[in-house]
């Protein structure tokens, strides 16, 4: 069962990525905060997935 913080992090990153240039700094910060919170409370497998989400977030920032 996925933990709630992990799911929130996935949702926040996806929302940020799907904003297509309309994401605010607040959206970016929310995604980063959700990732950090989830990392502190996740299994090793979830941490690997969070690493990938964080990489996607960084790539999105560079493209914006």
N, C-alpha and C. Protein backbone atom coordinates (compact mmCIF):
# COMPACT_ATOMS: atom_id res chain seq x y z
N UNK A 1 0.84 -1.19 0.00
CA UNK A 1 0.00 0.00 0.00
C UNK A 1 0.89 1.25 0.00
N UNK A 2 0.62 2.16 -0.91
CA UNK A 2 1.39 3.39 -0.97
C UNK A 2 1.04 4.28 0.20
N UNK A 3 2.04 4.97 0.71
CA UNK A 3 1.71 5.89 1.79
C UNK A 3 1.16 7.19 1.22
N UNK A 4 0.45 7.91 2.04
CA UNK A 4 -0.25 9.11 1.61
C UNK A 4 0.71 10.21 1.13
N UNK A 5 1.83 10.39 1.82
CA UNK A 5 2.79 11.42 1.43
C UNK A 5 3.39 11.10 0.06
N UNK A 6 3.63 9.83 -0.18
CA UNK A 6 4.15 9.41 -1.48
C UNK A 6 3.15 9.77 -2.58
N UNK A 7 1.90 9.46 -2.36
CA UNK A 7 0.86 9.77 -3.35
C UNK A 7 0.73 11.27 -3.55
N UNK A 8 0.80 12.03 -2.48
CA UNK A 8 0.72 13.49 -2.59
C UNK A 8 1.88 14.05 -3.40
N UNK A 9 3.06 13.49 -3.21
CA UNK A 9 4.24 13.94 -3.96
C UNK A 9 4.04 13.65 -5.45
N UNK A 10 3.58 12.46 -5.78
CA UNK A 10 3.33 12.13 -7.18
C UNK A 10 2.33 13.09 -7.80
N UNK A 11 1.27 13.37 -7.07
CA UNK A 11 0.22 14.27 -7.56
C UNK A 11 0.76 15.68 -7.75
N UNK A 12 1.52 16.18 -6.78
CA UNK A 12 2.06 17.54 -6.85
C UNK A 12 3.00 17.70 -8.04
N UNK A 13 3.87 16.72 -8.26
CA UNK A 13 4.81 16.79 -9.39
C UNK A 13 4.04 16.71 -10.71
N UNK A 14 3.08 15.82 -10.78
CA UNK A 14 2.29 15.71 -12.02
C UNK A 14 1.51 16.98 -12.30
N UNK A 15 0.95 17.59 -11.28
CA UNK A 15 0.23 18.85 -11.46
C UNK A 15 1.17 19.93 -11.99
N UNK A 16 2.36 19.98 -11.42
CA UNK A 16 3.35 20.97 -11.85
C UNK A 16 3.76 20.72 -13.30
N UNK A 17 4.01 19.48 -13.64
CA UNK A 17 4.43 19.14 -15.01
C UNK A 17 3.33 19.42 -16.02
N UNK A 18 2.08 19.19 -15.63
CA UNK A 18 0.96 19.34 -16.55
C UNK A 18 0.52 20.80 -16.72
N UNK A 19 1.08 21.70 -15.94
CA UNK A 19 0.69 23.10 -16.02
C UNK A 19 1.17 23.76 -17.32
N UNK A 20 2.13 23.15 -18.00
CA UNK A 20 2.62 23.61 -19.31
C UNK A 20 2.92 25.11 -19.33
N UNK A 21 3.81 25.52 -18.47
CA UNK A 21 4.23 26.91 -18.46
C UNK A 21 3.37 27.82 -17.61
N UNK A 22 2.26 27.32 -17.11
CA UNK A 22 1.38 28.13 -16.28
C UNK A 22 1.57 27.87 -14.79
N UNK A 23 2.56 27.05 -14.46
CA UNK A 23 2.81 26.74 -13.06
C UNK A 23 3.47 27.92 -12.37
N UNK A 24 3.05 28.17 -11.17
CA UNK A 24 3.61 29.27 -10.39
C UNK A 24 4.78 28.78 -9.56
N UNK A 25 5.49 29.72 -8.98
CA UNK A 25 6.56 29.37 -8.05
C UNK A 25 5.99 28.60 -6.87
N UNK A 26 4.77 28.93 -6.49
CA UNK A 26 4.11 28.24 -5.38
C UNK A 26 3.85 26.77 -5.74
N UNK A 27 3.46 26.51 -6.98
CA UNK A 27 3.25 25.12 -7.44
C UNK A 27 4.56 24.34 -7.37
N UNK A 28 5.63 24.98 -7.82
CA UNK A 28 6.95 24.35 -7.79
C UNK A 28 7.36 24.03 -6.36
N UNK A 29 7.17 24.98 -5.47
CA UNK A 29 7.54 24.79 -4.07
C UNK A 29 6.70 23.69 -3.43
N UNK A 30 5.42 23.64 -3.77
CA UNK A 30 4.55 22.60 -3.23
C UNK A 30 5.04 21.21 -3.66
N UNK A 31 5.44 21.10 -4.91
CA UNK A 31 5.95 19.82 -5.41
C UNK A 31 7.24 19.44 -4.69
N UNK A 32 8.14 20.40 -4.52
CA UNK A 32 9.40 20.13 -3.83
C UNK A 32 9.16 19.74 -2.37
N UNK A 33 8.26 20.44 -1.72
CA UNK A 33 7.95 20.13 -0.32
C UNK A 33 7.33 18.74 -0.18
N UNK A 34 6.45 18.41 -1.09
CA UNK A 34 5.80 17.09 -1.05
C UNK A 34 6.83 15.98 -1.26
N UNK A 35 7.76 16.20 -2.17
CA UNK A 35 8.81 15.22 -2.41
C UNK A 35 9.66 15.02 -1.16
N UNK A 36 10.04 16.10 -0.53
CA UNK A 36 10.88 16.01 0.67
C UNK A 36 10.16 15.29 1.80
N UNK A 37 8.91 15.62 2.01
CA UNK A 37 8.14 14.98 3.07
C UNK A 37 7.99 13.48 2.80
N UNK A 38 7.74 13.15 1.56
CA UNK A 38 7.55 11.74 1.20
C UNK A 38 8.85 10.96 1.35
N UNK A 39 9.97 11.58 1.01
CA UNK A 39 11.26 10.90 1.14
C UNK A 39 11.53 10.47 2.57
N UNK A 40 11.12 11.29 3.50
CA UNK A 40 11.37 11.01 4.91
C UNK A 40 10.51 9.87 5.45
N UNK A 41 9.48 9.50 4.73
CA UNK A 41 8.53 8.50 5.23
C UNK A 41 8.22 7.42 4.19
N UNK A 42 9.21 7.03 3.40
CA UNK A 42 8.91 6.08 2.34
C UNK A 42 9.86 4.88 2.37
N UNK A 43 9.40 3.83 1.72
CA UNK A 43 10.22 2.63 1.58
C UNK A 43 11.32 2.89 0.56
N UNK A 44 12.24 1.96 0.45
CA UNK A 44 13.34 2.11 -0.51
C UNK A 44 12.80 2.17 -1.95
N UNK A 45 11.83 1.35 -2.24
CA UNK A 45 11.24 1.35 -3.59
C UNK A 45 10.57 2.70 -3.88
N UNK A 46 9.84 3.21 -2.91
CA UNK A 46 9.20 4.51 -3.08
C UNK A 46 10.24 5.62 -3.24
N UNK A 47 11.34 5.51 -2.50
CA UNK A 47 12.39 6.51 -2.61
C UNK A 47 12.98 6.56 -4.01
N UNK A 48 13.11 5.41 -4.64
CA UNK A 48 13.62 5.36 -6.01
C UNK A 48 12.65 6.06 -6.96
N UNK A 49 11.37 5.84 -6.77
CA UNK A 49 10.38 6.50 -7.61
C UNK A 49 10.36 8.00 -7.35
N UNK A 50 10.54 8.38 -6.10
CA UNK A 50 10.59 9.81 -5.76
C UNK A 50 11.80 10.47 -6.40
N UNK A 51 12.92 9.75 -6.48
CA UNK A 51 14.11 10.25 -7.14
C UNK A 51 13.79 10.56 -8.60
N UNK A 52 13.06 9.68 -9.25
CA UNK A 52 12.68 9.89 -10.64
C UNK A 52 11.75 11.10 -10.78
N UNK A 53 10.81 11.24 -9.87
CA UNK A 53 9.92 12.40 -9.90
C UNK A 53 10.70 13.69 -9.70
N UNK A 54 11.66 13.65 -8.80
CA UNK A 54 12.47 14.84 -8.54
C UNK A 54 13.28 15.21 -9.78
N UNK A 55 13.78 14.19 -10.48
CA UNK A 55 14.53 14.43 -11.72
C UNK A 55 13.62 15.07 -12.77
N UNK A 56 12.39 14.60 -12.87
CA UNK A 56 11.44 15.18 -13.81
C UNK A 56 11.14 16.63 -13.47
N UNK A 57 11.03 16.90 -12.19
CA UNK A 57 10.77 18.27 -11.73
C UNK A 57 11.93 19.18 -12.11
N UNK A 58 13.15 18.71 -11.91
CA UNK A 58 14.33 19.49 -12.27
C UNK A 58 14.38 19.75 -13.78
N UNK A 59 14.06 18.72 -14.57
CA UNK A 59 14.06 18.88 -16.02
C UNK A 59 13.01 19.90 -16.46
N UNK A 60 11.86 19.85 -15.85
CA UNK A 60 10.79 20.80 -16.16
C UNK A 60 11.24 22.22 -15.85
N UNK A 61 11.94 22.40 -14.74
CA UNK A 61 12.43 23.72 -14.35
C UNK A 61 13.43 24.25 -15.36
N UNK A 62 14.25 23.40 -15.89
CA UNK A 62 15.26 23.82 -16.85
C UNK A 62 14.62 24.19 -18.19
N UNK A 63 13.52 23.56 -18.51
CA UNK A 63 12.86 23.83 -19.77
C UNK A 63 11.98 25.07 -19.71
N UNK A 64 11.57 25.45 -18.53
CA UNK A 64 10.66 26.58 -18.39
C UNK A 64 11.37 27.90 -18.61
